[in-house]
Amino acid sequence: MNDRYDAGYGGDQYELVGYDEYNQPVYRQVPAQQTQQPPQQQPYDPYGQQQQQGYAYDPYATGTQQQPPQYDTGTQQPYDTGQQAPQSGYDPYATGTTTAYDPYGQTASSGQQPRVAEQTAYIPQQAGPAEDTEAEAPKTPETGERDYRTEQFAFVEEPTDDSEDVIDWLNFTENRTERREEAKRRARGRMVALVVVLALVASGGVGYLWYAGKLPGVSSSASKTGTTTAAGAQNRDVIVVHLHNTSKGGTSSVLLVDNTTLKQGTTVLLPNSLALTDDDGNTTTLAKSVDDDGTSGTVDQLNTVLGTDIEGTWRLDTPYLQNLVDLVGNIDLDTNADVPDPAATKKNAAPLVHKGKDQTLSGKMAVAYATYRASGEAQNAQLERFGQVMQGVLRQLTSDPTAATTTVQTLAQILDPPLTDKDLGTFLAKLADLAKSGDYKTALLPVQNDGTLTAQASASVVKDILGGTAKSPDEGSAVRVAVQNATGVKDDTEKARVVLLNGGFTFLEAGTPSGTSATSKITYSDAADKENATEVAKTLGLPTSTVTKGTVSANADVSVILGTDYKPSSSS
């Protein structure tokens, strides 16, 4: 709807076209002959300095003639002040009564006039002919005025400087509150971090004292095992492995131990001189027991001496060991000796196995290394090489029980009952997993010259690894033989020891004389030991004529001096 008022000067009229950004009405001049024509847009002139046709416009009533300001908001939407228009002069609703436009409520000819409302209502209507607009807003019968509904207005509240100050103050207080809360959160975070650090330091100190066994009521042995579980209460799976050298003779024995409680695997090396007690109560050695009593008898004797529970026996002949190494794809070892090729025909032939780190061994090379014993070496040196080979095989073996069982079945061995292919494959797979992760070690069972266990063996191996209690044969139950080596060959002492232990005697080393002797000599001091001395001569392969009555070494029943006539057997 276009509202018009008569300026009173020559019949020209001004038409309200909208409100500017300062909420002031914007008019344009309409000649008398064009009052019924649609309004036309006029350029925006904020300072009212452009000259227009018609009479002067004086917004401040100063008497200076100026053209009325021409504003164009670009929107042809009419506005309503929301107030009842005056009955004379300006007629915002085109009722026929007009009044002069005075933006500040003052004119030069009339007195005080009402000010323009600070809050205006926007009538959401499109610009068009007056009759169309009036048709949309019918007059009420009581007053004769147009009836506008509330939903036709959208009220816009003019912002003030005070509202901006209030917003700034709210933002300031809100930001300050947030900063305080953030500072409190940071302080709490630092406090929590400090408490955690102090707790870690305290627990670390307690852990160290616990590991070192310095806490009251905690022993060092229990702390170093990494568990408070008693050694005997731990669960262990144990089998014994006997390596039979089918080409040169002799055996080597180890225990494979899987401590399922501590997740620790171990190979325990058993010296052949380990003293055992047979079914008749006689003292024997591990090597002799394996040859004479077979697997079942040896297992029972080992359980008695070590206080352990061996679940099965794995007889591993050297050809099967060679096949096993080839099946797993060779092994890598740090070898400690050059090993000659047993099949070599030349004296100066290149060694089959070279001494050095990270040596790759095939099946044939592994067997040669596992059974090699240099001249003058104790049997334990060869036993340690066998232990290296076994750990190397476990590192290469698959950790999958099914695949490991297939590998065992491929060997086509006949296992001693109750051990089966599946049991052995599953057991080896578990040890292989421990060997790959580094939770595997090798330990030698310490044995004294007489074949009995030392105190160190009872503490470190039998108790901690096997969870058993050492029970060596009673001292004095076997004839004690003191041996001096006068052959000039150092290795003869060890060979004589093995032979005597296998014969059921207790071996006592008496040292080496300054020179050599052409003949051997066996003496006894008590007539009751004459028969024992004769039995010693037979065991060593010496004639009974070497037996005489004389002085014997301390703590010995029979003394032996080995001469160059002593010829040790190849199996010793």
Protein backbone atom coordinates (compact mmCIF):
# COMPACT_ATOMS: atom_id res chain seq x y z
CA MET A 1 0.00 0.00 0.00
CA ASN A 2 1.33 3.42 -0.92
CA ASP A 3 0.57 6.17 1.59
CA ARG A 4 0.46 9.73 0.37
CA TYR A 5 0.06 13.16 1.91
CA ASP A 6 -0.58 16.52 0.39
CA ALA A 7 2.28 18.94 0.82
CA GLY A 8 -0.07 21.86 0.50
CA TYR A 9 1.99 23.54 -2.11
CA GLY A 10 0.57 23.42 -5.61
CA GLY A 11 -1.12 20.08 -5.15
CA ASP A 12 2.05 18.01 -5.21
CA GLN A 13 2.09 15.07 -2.90
CA TYR A 14 4.78 12.88 -1.25
CA GLU A 15 4.52 9.15 -1.05
CA LEU A 16 5.98 6.96 1.76
CA VAL A 17 8.22 4.28 0.24
CA GLY A 18 9.86 2.82 3.37
CA TYR A 19 12.29 3.43 6.20
CA ASP A 20 16.03 3.86 6.11
CA GLU A 21 18.71 2.20 8.28
CA TYR A 22 18.08 4.84 10.99
CA ASN A 23 14.35 3.99 11.13
CA GLN A 24 13.38 7.26 9.50
CA PRO A 25 10.54 7.40 6.89
CA VAL A 26 11.51 7.74 3.28
CA TYR A 27 9.23 9.69 0.87
CA ARG A 28 9.20 10.68 -2.73
CA GLN A 29 7.44 13.53 -4.51
CA VAL A 30 4.44 12.65 -6.64
CA PRO A 31 2.96 15.37 -8.96
CA ALA A 32 -0.73 15.93 -8.76
CA GLN A 33 -1.36 14.47 -12.13
CA GLN A 34 0.48 11.29 -11.22
CA THR A 35 -1.00 10.63 -7.81
CA GLN A 36 -2.80 7.61 -9.10
CA GLN A 37 0.34 6.21 -10.83
CA PRO A 38 2.49 3.57 -9.22
CA PRO A 39 5.47 4.93 -7.34
CA GLN A 40 8.81 5.18 -9.06
CA GLN A 41 12.20 4.51 -7.47
CA GLN A 42 14.35 7.55 -6.77
CA PRO A 43 18.08 7.57 -6.19
CA TYR A 44 19.29 7.57 -2.61
CA ASP A 45 20.42 11.01 -1.39
CA PRO A 46 21.26 10.80 2.33
CA TYR A 47 21.99 14.52 2.70
CA GLY A 48 19.11 15.82 0.66
CA GLN A 49 21.45 17.97 -1.45
CA GLN A 50 20.11 17.06 -4.89
CA GLN A 51 17.64 19.50 -6.36
CA GLN A 52 14.17 18.10 -6.99
CA GLN A 53 11.18 19.51 -8.64
CA GLY A 54 8.62 21.01 -6.30
CA TYR A 55 8.91 23.05 -3.19
CA ALA A 56 11.59 23.01 -0.54
CA TYR A 57 11.99 20.43 2.23
CA ASP A 58 13.27 21.59 5.62
CA PRO A 59 13.68 18.66 8.02
CA TYR A 60 14.82 20.90 10.92
CA ALA A 61 12.27 23.72 10.32
CA THR A 62 15.08 26.26 9.97
CA GLY A 63 13.39 28.18 7.17
CA THR A 64 16.08 27.16 4.70
CA GLN A 65 14.51 25.69 1.64
CA GLN A 66 15.86 22.23 0.87
CA GLN A 67 14.54 19.36 -1.07
CA PRO A 68 13.27 16.47 1.03
CA PRO A 69 15.77 13.58 1.35
CA GLN A 70 15.27 10.93 -1.19
CA TYR A 71 15.93 7.41 0.17
CA ASP A 72 15.52 4.18 -1.64
CA THR A 73 16.10 1.00 0.27
CA GLY A 74 15.62 -1.08 -2.81
CA THR A 75 12.50 -2.69 -1.34
CA GLN A 76 9.07 -1.55 -2.40
CA GLN A 77 7.49 -2.69 0.86
CA PRO A 78 5.25 -0.20 2.77
CA TYR A 79 5.70 0.20 6.51
CA ASP A 80 3.32 1.20 9.22
CA THR A 81 4.36 3.05 12.38
CA GLY A 82 1.96 1.02 14.41
CA GLN A 83 0.25 4.18 15.73
CA GLN A 84 -3.03 5.88 14.94
CA ALA A 85 -2.34 8.55 12.32
CA PRO A 86 -3.30 12.19 13.14
CA GLN A 87 -6.70 13.31 11.98
CA SER A 88 -5.20 16.22 9.98
CA GLY A 89 -2.20 16.61 7.74
CA TYR A 90 -0.25 13.42 7.02
CA ASP A 91 -2.49 10.42 6.29
CA PRO A 92 -0.39 7.22 6.33
CA TYR A 93 -3.39 5.05 5.46
CA ALA A 94 -4.59 7.14 2.48
CA THR A 95 -7.87 7.94 4.17
CA GLY A 96 -8.01 11.34 2.44
CA THR A 97 -6.68 13.39 5.31
CA THR A 98 -3.04 14.45 4.93
CA THR A 99 -0.48 16.21 7.03
CA ALA A 100 2.92 17.65 6.29
CA TYR A 101 5.88 15.32 6.89
CA ASP A 102 7.88 16.32 9.93
CA PRO A 103 10.47 13.70 10.88
CA TYR A 104 11.04 15.20 14.35
CA GLY A 105 7.44 16.04 15.20
CA GLN A 106 7.82 19.82 14.65
CA THR A 107 6.80 22.24 11.88
CA ALA A 108 7.19 25.94 11.46
CA SER A 109 3.44 26.53 11.13
CA SER A 110 2.05 24.21 13.81
CA GLY A 111 2.96 23.44 17.38
CA GLN A 112 4.19 20.29 19.07
CA GLN A 113 3.40 17.12 17.12
CA PRO A 114 3.64 13.46 18.11
CA ARG A 115 7.08 11.88 17.48
CA VAL A 116 7.52 8.98 15.16
CA ALA A 117 7.26 5.66 17.00
CA GLU A 118 10.61 4.01 17.92
CA GLN A 119 9.14 0.60 17.18
CA THR A 120 7.56 0.00 13.81
CA ALA A 121 5.58 -2.80 12.34
CA TYR A 122 6.46 -4.34 9.06
CA ILE A 123 3.51 -5.29 6.84
CA PRO A 124 4.62 -8.24 4.71
CA GLN A 125 2.81 -7.16 1.50
CA GLN A 126 3.94 -6.65 -2.02
CA ALA A 127 3.74 -3.19 -3.47
CA GLY A 128 0.77 -2.70 -5.75
CA PRO A 129 -2.25 -0.53 -6.44
CA ALA A 130 -4.02 0.91 -3.46
CA GLU A 131 -7.23 -0.89 -4.21
CA ASP A 132 -5.52 -4.29 -4.12
CA THR A 133 -3.95 -3.60 -0.74
CA GLU A 134 -7.18 -2.35 0.72
CA ALA A 135 -8.91 -5.47 -0.53
CA GLU A 136 -6.49 -7.59 1.45
CA ALA A 137 -7.15 -5.56 4.61
CA PRO A 138 -10.97 -4.95 4.86
CA LYS A 139 -12.39 -2.23 7.03
CA THR A 140 -14.16 -3.01 10.25
CA PRO A 141 -17.85 -1.99 10.36
CA GLU A 142 -17.53 -0.32 13.76
CA THR A 143 -14.74 2.13 13.01
CA GLY A 144 -14.54 2.11 9.26
CA GLU A 145 -10.81 1.51 9.48
CA ARG A 146 -8.86 -1.31 7.94
CA ASP A 147 -8.51 -4.41 10.06
CA TYR A 148 -4.92 -5.69 10.26
CA ARG A 149 -4.22 -9.03 11.84
CA THR A 150 -1.31 -9.64 14.17
CA GLU A 151 0.32 -12.31 11.97
CA GLN A 152 0.72 -9.68 9.22
CA PHE A 153 3.33 -7.81 11.25
CA ALA A 154 6.96 -8.66 11.96
CA PHE A 155 8.36 -6.42 14.70
CA VAL A 156 11.97 -5.32 14.54
CA GLU A 157 13.50 -3.90 17.66
CA GLU A 158 16.08 -1.25 17.14
CA PRO A 159 19.36 -2.06 18.91
CA THR A 160 20.73 0.51 21.29
CA ASP A 161 24.20 1.31 22.55
CA ASP A 162 23.24 0.07 26.01
CA SER A 163 22.42 -3.39 24.68
CA GLU A 164 25.90 -3.63 23.13
CA ASP A 165 27.47 -2.73 26.46
CA VAL A 166 25.42 -5.40 28.20
CA ILE A 167 26.51 -8.00 25.65
CA ASP A 168 30.17 -7.00 26.07
CA TRP A 169 29.86 -7.26 29.86
CA LEU A 170 28.25 -10.71 29.62
CA ASN A 171 30.97 -11.88 27.28
CA PHE A 172 33.63 -10.55 29.66
CA THR A 173 32.14 -12.24 32.72
CA GLU A 174 31.57 -15.48 30.78
CA ASN A 175 35.17 -15.53 29.52
CA ARG A 176 36.52 -14.78 32.99
CA THR A 177 34.46 -17.63 34.46
CA GLU A 178 35.71 -20.00 31.77
CA ARG A 179 39.31 -18.97 32.47
CA ARG A 180 38.84 -19.65 36.16
CA GLU A 181 37.33 -23.07 35.47
CA GLU A 182 40.15 -23.89 33.04
CA ALA A 183 42.73 -22.88 35.63
CA LYS A 184 41.04 -25.13 38.18
CA ARG A 185 41.02 -28.05 35.71
CA ARG A 186 44.72 -27.57 34.96
CA ALA A 187 45.52 -27.46 38.65
CA ARG A 188 43.56 -30.68 39.24
CA GLY A 189 45.34 -32.31 36.27
CA ARG A 190 48.75 -31.35 37.65
CA MET A 191 47.82 -32.70 41.05
CA VAL A 192 46.65 -36.02 39.59
CA ALA A 193 49.83 -36.31 37.50
CA LEU A 194 51.95 -35.63 40.59
CA VAL A 195 50.13 -38.30 42.57
CA VAL A 196 50.61 -40.82 39.74
CA VAL A 197 54.33 -40.06 39.49
CA LEU A 198 54.77 -40.43 43.24
CA ALA A 199 52.86 -43.72 43.16
CA LEU A 200 55.03 -45.04 40.34
CA VAL A 201 58.21 -44.03 42.15
CA ALA A 202 57.01 -45.67 45.34
CA SER A 203 55.93 -48.86 43.56
CA GLY A 204 59.23 -48.96 41.67
CA GLY A 205 61.17 -48.74 44.91
CA VAL A 206 59.06 -51.44 46.53
CA GLY A 207 59.42 -53.57 43.40
CA TYR A 208 63.19 -53.25 43.50
CA LEU A 209 63.30 -54.19 47.17
CA TRP A 210 61.01 -57.11 46.44
CA TYR A 211 63.18 -58.23 43.52
CA ALA A 212 66.33 -57.91 45.62
CA GLY A 213 64.72 -59.88 48.44
CA LYS A 214 65.14 -57.01 50.91
CA LEU A 215 61.51 -56.73 51.93
CA PRO A 216 60.74 -58.25 55.33
CA GLY A 217 59.35 -61.74 54.99
CA VAL A 218 60.27 -62.11 51.29
CA SER A 219 63.22 -64.29 50.32
CA SER A 220 65.53 -63.37 47.45
CA SER A 221 64.95 -66.69 45.71
CA ALA A 222 61.21 -66.14 45.62
CA SER A 223 61.54 -62.57 44.32
CA LYS A 224 63.90 -63.45 41.49
CA THR A 225 61.58 -66.11 40.11
CA GLY A 226 59.08 -63.35 39.37
CA THR A 227 56.32 -65.06 41.31
CA THR A 228 55.36 -65.73 44.89
CA THR A 229 54.28 -69.25 43.99
CA ALA A 230 56.41 -71.85 45.74
CA ALA A 231 58.77 -73.77 43.46
CA GLY A 232 57.13 -77.07 44.29
CA ALA A 233 53.64 -75.70 43.60
CA GLN A 234 54.49 -74.74 40.02
CA ASN A 235 53.27 -76.89 37.17
CA ARG A 236 55.94 -78.54 35.01
CA ASP A 237 55.88 -80.92 32.07
CA VAL A 238 59.09 -82.98 31.81
CA ILE A 239 60.38 -85.58 29.37
CA VAL A 240 63.83 -87.18 29.15
CA VAL A 241 65.74 -87.40 25.86
CA HIS A 242 68.45 -90.02 25.30
CA LEU A 243 70.70 -89.41 22.29
CA HIS A 244 72.19 -92.70 21.07
CA ASN A 245 75.32 -92.46 18.94
CA THR A 246 74.75 -95.33 16.54
CA SER A 247 78.18 -94.98 14.87
CA LYS A 248 80.57 -94.56 17.82
CA GLY A 249 78.44 -95.78 20.71
CA GLY A 250 77.58 -94.02 23.92
CA THR A 251 74.62 -91.98 25.03
CA SER A 252 73.85 -88.42 26.10
CA SER A 253 70.82 -87.50 28.21
CA VAL A 254 68.90 -84.28 28.84
CA LEU A 255 65.62 -83.26 30.43
CA LEU A 256 63.25 -80.96 28.55
CA VAL A 257 61.24 -78.91 31.07
CA ASP A 258 58.20 -76.73 30.36
CA ASN A 259 57.29 -74.65 33.42
CA THR A 260 53.74 -73.67 32.47
CA THR A 261 53.36 -71.52 35.59
CA LEU A 262 56.33 -69.24 34.89
CA LYS A 263 56.20 -69.66 31.09
CA GLN A 264 59.82 -70.82 31.11
CA GLY A 265 61.49 -73.60 29.15
CA THR A 266 64.75 -75.31 30.14
CA THR A 267 67.10 -78.01 28.91
CA VAL A 268 68.73 -79.73 31.90
CA LEU A 269 71.97 -81.52 30.97
CA LEU A 270 72.44 -84.82 32.84
CA PRO A 271 76.06 -86.01 33.10
CA ASN A 272 76.57 -89.73 32.42
CA SER A 273 78.35 -89.99 35.78
CA LEU A 274 75.19 -89.16 37.73
CA ALA A 275 74.87 -91.79 40.44
CA LEU A 276 71.60 -93.74 40.47
CA THR A 277 70.26 -96.67 42.46
CA ASP A 278 68.97 -99.67 40.54
CA ASP A 279 66.09 -101.93 41.48
CA ASP A 280 68.43 -104.16 43.54
CA GLY A 281 69.62 -101.23 45.62
CA ASN A 282 73.03 -101.15 43.97
CA THR A 283 74.66 -97.89 42.89
CA THR A 284 74.99 -97.37 39.16
CA THR A 285 75.43 -94.48 36.74
CA LEU A 286 73.09 -92.83 34.30
CA ALA A 287 75.04 -94.12 31.29
CA LYS A 288 75.04 -97.71 32.56
CA SER A 289 71.35 -97.49 33.50
CA VAL A 290 70.40 -96.38 29.97
CA ASP A 291 72.38 -99.31 28.47
CA ASP A 292 71.25 -101.98 30.92
CA ASP A 293 67.86 -101.02 32.36
CA GLY A 294 66.22 -99.43 29.34
CA THR A 295 63.93 -96.44 29.42
CA SER A 296 61.46 -97.40 32.12
CA GLY A 297 64.08 -98.35 34.67
CA THR A 298 66.08 -95.17 34.05
CA VAL A 299 63.00 -92.93 34.40
CA ASP A 300 62.18 -94.44 37.78
CA GLN A 301 65.76 -94.02 38.98
CA LEU A 302 65.89 -90.39 37.84
CA ASN A 303 62.60 -89.63 39.57
CA THR A 304 63.99 -91.10 42.77
CA VAL A 305 67.24 -89.12 42.68
CA LEU A 306 65.80 -85.81 41.45
CA GLY A 307 62.39 -85.93 43.08
CA THR A 308 60.73 -85.03 39.79
CA ASP A 309 57.95 -86.53 37.68
CA ILE A 310 59.12 -87.46 34.17
CA GLU A 311 56.17 -88.00 31.85
CA GLY A 312 57.91 -89.85 29.03
CA THR A 313 61.13 -90.89 27.31
CA TRP A 314 62.22 -89.84 23.82
CA ARG A 315 64.93 -92.07 22.39
CA LEU A 316 66.61 -90.02 19.69
CA ASP A 317 69.13 -91.97 17.64
CA THR A 318 71.66 -89.89 15.68
CA PRO A 319 70.07 -90.65 12.26
CA TYR A 320 66.73 -89.31 13.54
CA LEU A 321 68.44 -86.20 14.90
CA GLN A 322 69.94 -85.60 11.46
CA ASN A 323 66.52 -85.93 9.82
CA LEU A 324 64.93 -83.65 12.41
CA VAL A 325 67.43 -80.84 11.74
CA ASP A 326 66.89 -81.19 8.00
CA LEU A 327 63.11 -81.08 8.44
CA VAL A 328 63.17 -77.79 10.38
CA GLY A 329 65.46 -76.22 7.77
CA ASN A 330 68.91 -76.28 9.41
CA ILE A 331 69.87 -74.54 12.66
CA ASP A 332 72.11 -71.60 13.62
CA LEU A 333 74.54 -71.94 16.52
CA ASP A 334 77.57 -70.27 18.10
CA THR A 335 79.96 -73.24 17.85
CA ASN A 336 82.87 -73.56 20.30
CA ALA A 337 85.09 -76.01 18.40
CA ASP A 338 86.17 -77.10 14.95
CA VAL A 339 84.62 -80.49 14.35
CA PRO A 340 86.31 -82.86 11.86
CA ASP A 341 84.28 -84.73 9.29
CA PRO A 342 83.79 -88.30 10.54
CA ALA A 343 83.69 -89.50 6.94
CA ALA A 344 86.96 -87.80 5.96
CA THR A 345 89.80 -90.10 4.86
CA LYS A 346 92.61 -87.54 4.91
CA LYS A 347 94.27 -86.38 8.09
CA ASN A 348 94.37 -82.69 7.20
CA ALA A 349 90.86 -82.54 5.78
CA ALA A 350 88.86 -79.36 6.31
CA PRO A 351 86.61 -79.49 9.38
CA LEU A 352 82.96 -80.26 8.83
CA VAL A 353 81.91 -77.63 11.40
CA HIS A 354 83.88 -74.43 11.91
CA LYS A 355 84.21 -72.66 15.21
CA GLY A 356 82.47 -69.28 15.27
CA LYS A 357 79.29 -67.30 15.78
CA ASP A 358 76.07 -67.85 13.83
CA GLN A 359 77.19 -71.02 12.12
CA THR A 360 74.49 -72.68 10.02
CA LEU A 361 74.45 -76.44 10.54
CA SER A 362 72.77 -79.03 8.40
CA GLY A 363 71.54 -82.33 9.81
CA LYS A 364 74.86 -84.09 9.28
CA MET A 365 76.83 -81.18 10.75
CA ALA A 366 74.50 -80.95 13.76
CA VAL A 367 75.00 -84.64 14.60
CA ALA A 368 78.78 -84.31 14.30
CA TYR A 369 78.77 -81.26 16.59
CA ALA A 370 76.36 -82.79 19.15
CA THR A 371 78.48 -85.95 19.56
CA TYR A 372 81.93 -84.36 19.30
CA ARG A 373 84.30 -84.74 22.25
CA ALA A 374 87.86 -83.54 21.82
CA SER A 375 90.81 -85.37 23.29
CA GLY A 376 91.13 -84.64 27.00
CA GLU A 377 87.67 -83.08 27.26
CA ALA A 378 85.20 -84.13 29.92
CA GLN A 379 81.94 -85.68 28.87
CA ASN A 380 80.16 -82.53 29.99
CA ALA A 381 81.75 -80.59 27.08
CA GLN A 382 80.10 -82.92 24.58
CA LEU A 383 76.86 -82.80 26.59
CA GLU A 384 76.76 -79.02 26.36
CA ARG A 385 77.09 -79.19 22.56
CA PHE A 386 74.14 -81.58 22.45
CA GLY A 387 72.14 -79.07 24.52
CA GLN A 388 73.00 -76.31 22.02
CA VAL A 389 71.71 -78.43 19.16
CA MET A 390 68.45 -79.21 20.96
CA GLN A 391 67.78 -75.50 21.65
CA GLY A 392 68.63 -74.66 18.04
CA VAL A 393 66.09 -77.24 16.84
CA LEU A 394 63.39 -75.77 19.11
CA ARG A 395 64.01 -72.27 17.76
CA GLN A 396 63.46 -73.53 14.22
CA LEU A 397 60.54 -75.83 14.99
CA THR A 398 57.01 -74.56 14.38
CA SER A 399 54.95 -73.38 17.35
CA ASP A 400 51.77 -74.86 15.90
CA PRO A 401 50.96 -78.15 17.69
CA THR A 402 49.40 -79.73 14.60
CA ALA A 403 52.34 -78.86 12.35
CA ALA A 404 54.84 -79.99 15.01
CA THR A 405 53.01 -83.31 15.31
CA THR A 406 53.30 -83.73 11.54
CA THR A 407 57.06 -83.14 11.80
CA VAL A 408 57.37 -85.84 14.49
CA GLN A 409 55.29 -88.24 12.41
CA THR A 410 57.51 -87.59 9.40
CA LEU A 411 60.49 -88.90 11.38
CA ALA A 412 58.74 -92.29 11.46
CA GLN A 413 60.10 -93.07 14.92
CA ILE A 414 58.78 -95.74 17.22
CA LEU A 415 58.28 -93.90 20.50
CA ASP A 416 58.37 -95.56 23.87
CA PRO A 417 54.97 -95.67 25.54
CA PRO A 418 53.17 -93.81 26.95
CA LEU A 419 54.63 -91.06 24.70
CA THR A 420 52.74 -90.62 21.40
CA ASP A 421 53.40 -88.59 18.28
CA LYS A 422 50.70 -86.10 19.23
CA ASP A 423 51.94 -85.75 22.81
CA LEU A 424 55.52 -85.21 21.69
CA GLY A 425 54.53 -82.77 18.91
CA THR A 426 52.34 -80.69 21.23
CA PHE A 427 55.05 -80.64 23.92
CA LEU A 428 57.79 -79.59 21.48
CA ALA A 429 55.54 -76.86 19.99
CA LYS A 430 55.14 -75.25 23.42
CA LEU A 431 58.88 -75.30 24.00
CA ALA A 432 59.46 -73.93 20.50
CA ASP A 433 57.25 -70.94 21.33
CA LEU A 434 59.27 -70.26 24.48
CA ALA A 435 62.56 -70.65 22.63
CA LYS A 436 61.50 -68.13 19.97
CA SER A 437 60.45 -65.56 22.60
CA GLY A 438 63.71 -65.90 24.54
CA ASP A 439 62.10 -67.60 27.55
CA TYR A 440 64.37 -70.60 27.28
CA LYS A 441 67.67 -71.57 28.89
CA THR A 442 70.09 -74.49 29.31
CA ALA A 443 71.39 -75.63 32.71
CA LEU A 444 73.95 -78.29 33.66
CA LEU A 445 73.18 -80.53 36.63
CA PRO A 446 76.30 -80.25 38.85
CA VAL A 447 77.61 -83.69 39.85
CA GLN A 448 80.56 -84.50 42.13
CA ASN A 449 83.36 -86.88 41.24
CA ASP A 450 81.57 -89.71 42.97
CA GLY A 451 78.43 -89.05 40.92
CA THR A 452 76.42 -87.56 43.75
CA LEU A 453 74.69 -84.21 43.55
CA THR A 454 76.30 -81.09 44.95
CA ALA A 455 74.56 -78.58 47.21
CA GLN A 456 74.49 -76.20 44.24
CA ALA A 457 72.62 -78.79 42.20
CA SER A 458 70.07 -79.23 44.95
CA ALA A 459 69.35 -75.49 45.13
CA SER A 460 69.64 -74.15 41.60
CA VAL A 461 68.56 -77.03 39.39
CA VAL A 462 66.71 -79.70 41.31
CA LYS A 463 64.64 -77.35 43.43
CA ASP A 464 64.18 -74.26 41.26
CA ILE A 465 63.96 -75.83 37.79
CA LEU A 466 62.64 -79.31 38.48
CA GLY A 467 60.76 -78.52 41.68
CA GLY A 468 62.13 -81.69 43.28
CA THR A 469 64.31 -82.73 46.21
CA ALA A 470 67.76 -84.20 45.63
CA LYS A 471 68.29 -87.67 47.02
CA SER A 472 71.68 -89.07 46.08
CA PRO A 473 72.64 -92.65 47.00
CA ASP A 474 73.97 -92.95 50.54
CA GLU A 475 77.68 -92.33 50.85
CA GLY A 476 79.61 -95.51 51.59
CA SER A 477 77.17 -97.71 49.76
CA ALA A 478 79.70 -98.08 46.90
CA VAL A 479 83.43 -98.82 46.97
CA ARG A 480 85.42 -95.61 46.77
CA VAL A 481 88.27 -95.71 44.25
CA ALA A 482 90.99 -93.02 44.12
CA VAL A 483 92.65 -92.78 40.70
CA GLN A 484 95.99 -91.23 39.64
CA ASN A 485 96.75 -90.87 35.93
CA ALA A 486 100.36 -91.74 35.06
CA THR A 487 99.70 -92.61 31.40
CA GLY A 488 100.67 -89.21 30.05
CA VAL A 489 97.25 -88.91 28.39
CA LYS A 490 95.01 -86.48 30.22
CA ASP A 491 91.81 -87.88 28.77
CA ASP A 492 92.47 -91.29 30.34
CA THR A 493 91.36 -89.95 33.74
CA GLU A 494 87.90 -89.11 32.48
CA LYS A 495 87.58 -92.44 30.66
CA ALA A 496 88.55 -94.36 33.79
CA ARG A 497 86.03 -92.35 35.80
CA VAL A 498 83.19 -93.22 33.43
CA VAL A 499 84.11 -96.91 33.45
CA LEU A 500 84.30 -97.06 37.24
CA LEU A 501 81.05 -95.19 37.73
CA ASN A 502 79.33 -97.46 35.26
CA GLY A 503 80.70 -100.39 37.26
CA GLY A 504 79.01 -99.11 40.39
CA PHE A 505 82.11 -97.66 42.07
CA THR A 506 82.55 -94.21 43.55
CA PHE A 507 85.28 -92.31 41.72
CA LEU A 508 87.74 -90.09 43.59
CA GLU A 509 90.32 -88.14 41.61
CA ALA A 510 93.77 -88.32 43.23
CA GLY A 511 95.67 -86.09 40.83
CA THR A 512 98.50 -86.68 38.37
CA PRO A 513 102.01 -87.81 39.36
CA SER A 514 105.09 -85.96 38.10
CA GLY A 515 106.12 -88.69 35.68
CA THR A 516 104.68 -91.61 33.78
CA SER A 517 104.55 -95.24 34.78
CA ALA A 518 104.88 -98.22 32.48
CA THR A 519 102.58 -100.45 34.51
CA SER A 520 99.40 -99.87 36.41
CA LYS A 521 99.10 -100.59 40.14
CA ILE A 522 96.04 -101.27 42.33
CA THR A 523 96.31 -101.36 46.14
CA TYR A 524 94.09 -101.97 49.14
CA SER A 525 94.77 -101.57 52.88
CA ASP A 526 92.06 -103.76 54.44
CA ALA A 527 91.85 -107.43 53.62
CA ALA A 528 88.09 -107.04 53.28
CA ASP A 529 88.73 -104.81 50.28
CA LYS A 530 90.93 -107.31 48.39
CA GLU A 531 87.94 -108.64 46.47
CA ASN A 532 86.83 -105.11 45.66
CA ALA A 533 90.32 -104.23 44.38
CA THR A 534 90.26 -107.29 42.11
CA GLU A 535 86.87 -106.22 40.76
CA VAL A 536 88.29 -102.72 40.06
CA ALA A 537 91.11 -104.27 37.98
CA LYS A 538 88.61 -106.24 35.91
CA THR A 539 86.43 -103.18 35.39
CA LEU A 540 89.41 -101.16 34.11
CA GLY A 541 90.60 -103.98 31.84
CA LEU A 542 93.81 -104.55 33.83
CA PRO A 543 95.25 -107.92 34.87
CA THR A 544 94.51 -109.07 38.41
CA SER A 545 98.29 -109.30 38.99
CA THR A 546 98.33 -105.51 39.43
CA VAL A 547 96.40 -105.86 42.69
CA THR A 548 98.55 -105.63 45.86
CA LYS A 549 98.11 -104.73 49.52
CA GLY A 550 99.51 -101.32 50.45
CA THR A 551 98.75 -97.72 51.31
CA VAL A 552 95.64 -96.12 49.89
CA SER A 553 94.58 -92.48 49.59
CA ALA A 554 92.54 -90.81 52.30
CA ASN A 555 88.79 -91.51 52.21
CA ALA A 556 89.33 -94.26 49.65
CA ASP A 557 88.90 -98.04 49.84
CA VAL A 558 91.07 -98.80 46.80
CA SER A 559 93.83 -96.75 45.10
CA VAL A 560 94.69 -96.99 41.41
CA ILE A 561 97.73 -95.72 39.48
CA LEU A 562 97.14 -95.92 35.75
CA GLY A 563 100.18 -96.74 33.63
CA THR A 564 100.84 -96.80 29.93
CA ASP A 565 99.54 -100.36 29.86
CA TYR A 566 96.03 -99.03 30.49
CA LYS A 567 93.93 -99.23 27.36
CA PRO A 568 90.55 -97.51 27.89
CA SER A 569 87.60 -98.93 26.04
CA SER A 570 86.15 -96.91 23.16
CA SER A 571 82.76 -96.71 24.85
CA SER A 572 84.06 -95.09 28.01
